Amino acid sequence: MERRTYERIPLPSRVQVKFLLGNMIYPGVVTNISESGMFIGTKLSFPVGTEIDIAVILPSEEVLKIPVKVRRTIKSDAFYEYEYHDSNGMGVEVMATPHSYQQFVSDLRNTYYC
């Protein structure tokens, strides 16, 4: 049974993300995205329920600061750098969506389904 309101769109190229927690910044990549959430591949994970701010770096180089809530985490023993993006990370819910984020996802959806 699918629990998501919006179907996730796999990204043709990786979109960089930075986690902003206190005065620390952690890297990640968005591997799929929707209007209400995304999966972020990262070696780091936060407990389910954690609310954090992320900076999403769009292909246009625009940076969007978005508050998210961790909904699930995946952890494996992937060794190679390229593996962790697909086997380690967090599913997050977008708590407030800037217009430019919605436009980015809408453009992706139109491209992906056309």
N, C-alpha and C. Protein backbone atom coordinates (compact mmCIF):
# COMPACT_ATOMS: atom_id res chain seq x y z
N MET A 1 0.84 -1.19 0.00
CA MET A 1 0.00 0.00 0.00
C MET A 1 0.88 1.24 0.00
N GLU A 2 0.71 2.11 -0.97
CA GLU A 2 1.50 3.33 -1.10
C GLU A 2 0.97 4.38 -0.13
N ARG A 3 1.85 4.91 0.73
CA ARG A 3 1.43 5.89 1.73
C ARG A 3 1.73 7.32 1.28
N ARG A 4 2.42 7.49 0.18
CA ARG A 4 2.78 8.84 -0.24
C ARG A 4 1.65 9.51 -1.00
N THR A 5 1.50 10.81 -0.79
CA THR A 5 0.52 11.59 -1.51
C THR A 5 0.97 11.80 -2.95
N TYR A 6 2.27 12.03 -3.14
CA TYR A 6 2.84 12.27 -4.47
C TYR A 6 3.85 11.19 -4.79
N GLU A 7 3.85 10.75 -6.04
CA GLU A 7 4.83 9.77 -6.48
C GLU A 7 6.20 10.43 -6.54
N ARG A 8 7.21 9.71 -6.07
CA ARG A 8 8.58 10.22 -6.13
C ARG A 8 9.11 10.16 -7.56
N ILE A 9 9.91 11.15 -7.91
CA ILE A 9 10.53 11.23 -9.23
C ILE A 9 12.01 10.93 -9.06
N PRO A 10 12.54 9.90 -9.74
CA PRO A 10 13.99 9.68 -9.67
C PRO A 10 14.70 10.82 -10.40
N LEU A 11 15.79 11.29 -9.83
CA LEU A 11 16.50 12.40 -10.45
C LEU A 11 17.51 11.89 -11.46
N PRO A 12 17.52 12.49 -12.67
CA PRO A 12 18.47 12.05 -13.69
C PRO A 12 19.91 12.39 -13.33
N SER A 13 20.09 13.44 -12.55
CA SER A 13 21.42 13.78 -12.04
C SER A 13 21.26 14.12 -10.57
N ARG A 14 22.33 13.96 -9.84
CA ARG A 14 22.26 14.14 -8.38
C ARG A 14 22.17 15.63 -8.03
N VAL A 15 21.29 15.93 -7.11
CA VAL A 15 21.13 17.29 -6.60
C VAL A 15 21.78 17.31 -5.22
N GLN A 16 22.73 18.20 -5.03
CA GLN A 16 23.47 18.29 -3.78
C GLN A 16 22.61 18.91 -2.68
N VAL A 17 22.84 18.42 -1.45
CA VAL A 17 22.14 18.91 -0.27
C VAL A 17 23.16 19.13 0.83
N LYS A 18 22.92 20.12 1.64
CA LYS A 18 23.70 20.34 2.86
C LYS A 18 22.72 20.35 4.02
N PHE A 19 23.04 19.59 5.07
CA PHE A 19 22.24 19.58 6.29
C PHE A 19 22.78 20.66 7.20
N LEU A 20 21.90 21.48 7.72
CA LEU A 20 22.30 22.55 8.61
C LEU A 20 21.79 22.20 10.00
N LEU A 21 22.69 21.81 10.87
CA LEU A 21 22.30 21.44 12.22
C LEU A 21 23.22 22.16 13.19
N GLY A 22 22.66 23.14 13.89
CA GLY A 22 23.49 23.97 14.76
C GLY A 22 24.48 24.71 13.90
N ASN A 23 25.76 24.60 14.24
CA ASN A 23 26.79 25.25 13.43
C ASN A 23 27.55 24.24 12.57
N MET A 24 26.98 23.04 12.43
CA MET A 24 27.60 21.99 11.61
C MET A 24 26.87 21.85 10.28
N ILE A 25 27.63 21.53 9.23
CA ILE A 25 27.07 21.31 7.90
C ILE A 25 27.50 19.93 7.43
N TYR A 26 26.53 19.12 6.95
CA TYR A 26 26.78 17.76 6.50
C TYR A 26 26.32 17.62 5.05
N PRO A 27 27.05 16.85 4.20
CA PRO A 27 26.67 16.70 2.79
C PRO A 27 25.72 15.54 2.55
N GLY A 28 25.02 15.61 1.42
CA GLY A 28 24.16 14.54 0.95
C GLY A 28 23.75 14.81 -0.48
N VAL A 29 23.02 13.86 -1.08
CA VAL A 29 22.49 14.05 -2.42
C VAL A 29 21.04 13.58 -2.46
N VAL A 30 20.21 14.30 -3.19
CA VAL A 30 18.82 13.90 -3.37
C VAL A 30 18.78 12.88 -4.50
N THR A 31 18.22 11.70 -4.22
CA THR A 31 18.14 10.67 -5.25
C THR A 31 16.75 10.56 -5.85
N ASN A 32 15.72 10.96 -5.10
CA ASN A 32 14.38 11.08 -5.66
C ASN A 32 13.63 12.15 -4.88
N ILE A 33 12.59 12.67 -5.50
CA ILE A 33 11.95 13.87 -4.95
C ILE A 33 10.47 13.90 -5.30
N SER A 34 9.69 14.58 -4.48
CA SER A 34 8.28 14.84 -4.78
C SER A 34 7.92 16.19 -4.19
N GLU A 35 6.67 16.57 -4.37
CA GLU A 35 6.20 17.85 -3.84
C GLU A 35 6.25 17.89 -2.32
N SER A 36 6.17 16.73 -1.68
CA SER A 36 6.10 16.72 -0.22
C SER A 36 7.28 16.05 0.47
N GLY A 37 8.25 15.56 -0.30
CA GLY A 37 9.38 14.91 0.35
C GLY A 37 10.47 14.50 -0.62
N MET A 38 11.50 13.87 -0.07
CA MET A 38 12.62 13.43 -0.89
C MET A 38 13.41 12.37 -0.13
N PHE A 39 14.21 11.62 -0.88
CA PHE A 39 15.16 10.71 -0.25
C PHE A 39 16.53 11.32 -0.45
N ILE A 40 17.27 11.42 0.65
CA ILE A 40 18.60 12.01 0.62
C ILE A 40 19.61 10.93 0.96
N GLY A 41 20.47 10.63 -0.01
CA GLY A 41 21.55 9.69 0.24
C GLY A 41 22.65 10.39 1.02
N THR A 42 23.05 9.78 2.14
CA THR A 42 24.07 10.38 3.00
C THR A 42 24.64 9.32 3.92
N LYS A 43 25.87 9.51 4.34
CA LYS A 43 26.48 8.60 5.31
C LYS A 43 25.95 8.85 6.71
N LEU A 44 25.37 10.04 6.90
CA LEU A 44 24.88 10.46 8.20
C LEU A 44 23.37 10.27 8.24
N SER A 45 22.83 9.90 9.37
CA SER A 45 21.38 9.90 9.48
C SER A 45 20.98 10.43 10.85
N PHE A 46 19.82 11.04 10.88
CA PHE A 46 19.27 11.58 12.11
C PHE A 46 18.12 10.69 12.55
N PRO A 47 17.78 10.68 13.81
CA PRO A 47 16.66 9.86 14.27
C PRO A 47 15.33 10.28 13.61
N VAL A 48 14.46 9.30 13.40
CA VAL A 48 13.13 9.58 12.86
C VAL A 48 12.46 10.60 13.77
N GLY A 49 11.82 11.58 13.15
CA GLY A 49 11.15 12.64 13.90
C GLY A 49 11.98 13.91 14.04
N THR A 50 13.29 13.83 13.75
CA THR A 50 14.16 15.00 13.85
C THR A 50 13.78 16.03 12.80
N GLU A 51 13.66 17.28 13.22
CA GLU A 51 13.41 18.38 12.29
C GLU A 51 14.71 19.13 12.08
N ILE A 52 15.09 19.29 10.82
CA ILE A 52 16.33 19.97 10.46
C ILE A 52 16.08 20.88 9.26
N ASP A 53 16.99 21.79 9.04
CA ASP A 53 16.96 22.61 7.83
C ASP A 53 17.97 22.03 6.87
N ILE A 54 17.59 21.99 5.59
CA ILE A 54 18.53 21.55 4.56
C ILE A 54 18.66 22.67 3.54
N ALA A 55 19.79 22.70 2.89
CA ALA A 55 20.01 23.60 1.77
C ALA A 55 20.10 22.73 0.53
N VAL A 56 19.14 22.89 -0.38
CA VAL A 56 19.11 22.13 -1.63
C VAL A 56 19.73 23.02 -2.70
N ILE A 57 20.73 22.47 -3.38
CA ILE A 57 21.42 23.24 -4.42
C ILE A 57 20.89 22.76 -5.77
N LEU A 58 20.02 23.57 -6.38
CA LEU A 58 19.39 23.21 -7.65
C LEU A 58 20.41 23.26 -8.79
N PRO A 59 20.13 22.56 -9.90
CA PRO A 59 21.05 22.61 -11.04
C PRO A 59 21.32 24.03 -11.53
N SER A 60 20.36 24.95 -11.32
CA SER A 60 20.56 26.36 -11.70
C SER A 60 21.50 27.08 -10.73
N GLU A 61 21.96 26.35 -9.70
CA GLU A 61 22.83 26.85 -8.63
C GLU A 61 22.08 27.69 -7.60
N GLU A 62 20.77 27.79 -7.74
CA GLU A 62 19.96 28.45 -6.71
C GLU A 62 19.98 27.55 -5.47
N VAL A 63 20.09 28.15 -4.31
CA VAL A 63 20.11 27.40 -3.06
C VAL A 63 18.80 27.66 -2.32
N LEU A 64 18.10 26.56 -1.99
CA LEU A 64 16.84 26.67 -1.27
C LEU A 64 17.02 26.15 0.14
N LYS A 65 16.67 26.95 1.12
CA LYS A 65 16.69 26.50 2.52
C LYS A 65 15.30 25.97 2.84
N ILE A 66 15.23 24.67 3.20
CA ILE A 66 13.94 24.02 3.39
C ILE A 66 13.92 23.27 4.73
N PRO A 67 12.91 23.52 5.54
CA PRO A 67 12.77 22.74 6.78
C PRO A 67 12.16 21.37 6.44
N VAL A 68 12.76 20.31 7.00
CA VAL A 68 12.27 18.95 6.75
C VAL A 68 12.18 18.18 8.05
N LYS A 69 11.44 17.08 8.00
CA LYS A 69 11.32 16.18 9.14
C LYS A 69 11.70 14.78 8.67
N VAL A 70 12.60 14.13 9.40
CA VAL A 70 13.04 12.78 9.04
C VAL A 70 11.89 11.81 9.30
N ARG A 71 11.53 11.05 8.25
CA ARG A 71 10.43 10.08 8.35
C ARG A 71 10.92 8.64 8.37
N ARG A 72 12.09 8.38 7.75
CA ARG A 72 12.66 7.04 7.79
C ARG A 72 14.14 7.13 7.49
N THR A 73 14.87 6.12 7.94
CA THR A 73 16.31 6.06 7.66
C THR A 73 16.65 4.67 7.13
N ILE A 74 17.67 4.62 6.30
CA ILE A 74 18.19 3.36 5.77
C ILE A 74 19.69 3.38 5.99
N LYS A 75 20.19 2.29 6.53
CA LYS A 75 21.62 2.19 6.79
C LYS A 75 22.10 0.82 6.33
N SER A 76 23.22 0.80 5.60
CA SER A 76 23.83 -0.46 5.19
C SER A 76 25.33 -0.36 5.41
N ASP A 77 26.02 -1.41 5.06
CA ASP A 77 27.47 -1.44 5.21
C ASP A 77 28.17 -1.15 3.90
N ALA A 78 27.56 -0.33 3.04
CA ALA A 78 28.16 -0.02 1.74
C ALA A 78 29.56 0.55 1.95
N PHE A 79 30.48 0.07 1.17
CA PHE A 79 31.87 0.47 1.34
C PHE A 79 32.28 1.58 0.38
N TYR A 80 31.89 1.44 -0.87
CA TYR A 80 32.34 2.39 -1.88
C TYR A 80 31.51 3.66 -1.83
N GLU A 81 32.14 4.77 -2.14
CA GLU A 81 31.49 6.08 -2.08
C GLU A 81 30.21 6.11 -2.90
N TYR A 82 30.23 5.54 -4.12
CA TYR A 82 29.03 5.62 -4.95
C TYR A 82 27.89 4.80 -4.38
N GLU A 83 28.17 3.81 -3.57
CA GLU A 83 27.12 2.96 -3.03
C GLU A 83 26.28 3.66 -1.96
N TYR A 84 26.90 4.51 -1.17
CA TYR A 84 26.13 5.03 -0.04
C TYR A 84 24.97 5.91 -0.47
N HIS A 85 25.06 6.50 -1.66
CA HIS A 85 23.97 7.35 -2.11
C HIS A 85 22.67 6.57 -2.32
N ASP A 86 22.78 5.29 -2.67
CA ASP A 86 21.60 4.49 -2.95
C ASP A 86 21.21 3.59 -1.80
N SER A 87 22.11 3.35 -0.86
CA SER A 87 21.80 2.38 0.18
C SER A 87 21.83 2.95 1.59
N ASN A 88 22.22 4.17 1.75
CA ASN A 88 22.21 4.84 3.05
C ASN A 88 21.55 6.20 2.89
N GLY A 89 20.73 6.54 3.84
CA GLY A 89 20.15 7.87 3.78
C GLY A 89 18.86 8.00 4.55
N MET A 90 18.13 9.05 4.21
CA MET A 90 16.92 9.40 4.94
C MET A 90 15.81 9.82 3.99
N GLY A 91 14.61 9.36 4.30
CA GLY A 91 13.42 9.88 3.65
C GLY A 91 12.93 11.02 4.50
N VAL A 92 12.73 12.18 3.90
CA VAL A 92 12.31 13.34 4.67
C VAL A 92 11.03 13.93 4.09
N GLU A 93 10.23 14.51 4.98
CA GLU A 93 9.03 15.23 4.59
C GLU A 93 9.36 16.71 4.59
N VAL A 94 8.96 17.39 3.53
CA VAL A 94 9.18 18.83 3.44
C VAL A 94 8.10 19.51 4.27
N MET A 95 8.53 20.33 5.23
CA MET A 95 7.60 20.97 6.16
C MET A 95 7.02 22.28 5.61
N ALA A 96 7.78 23.00 4.84
CA ALA A 96 7.32 24.25 4.21
C ALA A 96 8.02 24.33 2.86
N THR A 97 7.24 24.53 1.80
CA THR A 97 7.83 24.48 0.47
C THR A 97 7.87 25.85 -0.18
N PRO A 98 9.07 26.33 -0.46
CA PRO A 98 9.17 27.59 -1.21
C PRO A 98 8.62 27.39 -2.62
N HIS A 99 8.14 28.46 -3.22
CA HIS A 99 7.60 28.39 -4.58
C HIS A 99 8.63 27.81 -5.55
N SER A 100 9.88 28.21 -5.43
CA SER A 100 10.90 27.72 -6.36
C SER A 100 11.12 26.21 -6.23
N TYR A 101 10.92 25.66 -5.03
CA TYR A 101 11.00 24.20 -4.85
C TYR A 101 9.85 23.53 -5.59
N GLN A 102 8.63 24.03 -5.40
CA GLN A 102 7.47 23.48 -6.08
C GLN A 102 7.62 23.56 -7.60
N GLN A 103 8.17 24.67 -8.08
CA GLN A 103 8.38 24.85 -9.52
C GLN A 103 9.42 23.85 -10.03
N PHE A 104 10.49 23.64 -9.30
CA PHE A 104 11.52 22.67 -9.66
C PHE A 104 10.92 21.27 -9.79
N VAL A 105 10.13 20.85 -8.79
CA VAL A 105 9.51 19.52 -8.80
C VAL A 105 8.50 19.42 -9.94
N SER A 106 7.72 20.47 -10.15
CA SER A 106 6.74 20.48 -11.24
C SER A 106 7.43 20.33 -12.59
N ASP A 107 8.53 21.05 -12.80
CA ASP A 107 9.29 20.95 -14.05
C ASP A 107 9.84 19.55 -14.23
N LEU A 108 10.35 18.96 -13.15
CA LEU A 108 10.85 17.57 -13.21
C LEU A 108 9.73 16.61 -13.59
N ARG A 109 8.60 16.77 -12.94
CA ARG A 109 7.46 15.88 -13.20
C ARG A 109 7.03 15.98 -14.67
N ASN A 110 6.97 17.21 -15.21
CA ASN A 110 6.60 17.40 -16.60
C ASN A 110 7.61 16.77 -17.55
N THR A 111 8.89 16.87 -17.21
CA THR A 111 9.94 16.27 -18.02
C THR A 111 9.92 14.76 -17.92
N TYR A 112 9.76 14.26 -16.70
CA TYR A 112 9.81 12.83 -16.44
C TYR A 112 8.63 12.09 -17.07
N TYR A 113 7.46 12.69 -17.06
CA TYR A 113 6.26 12.01 -17.55
C TYR A 113 5.88 12.39 -18.98
N CYS A 114 6.69 13.19 -19.64
CA CYS A 114 6.39 13.56 -21.04
C CYS A 114 7.11 12.65 -22.01
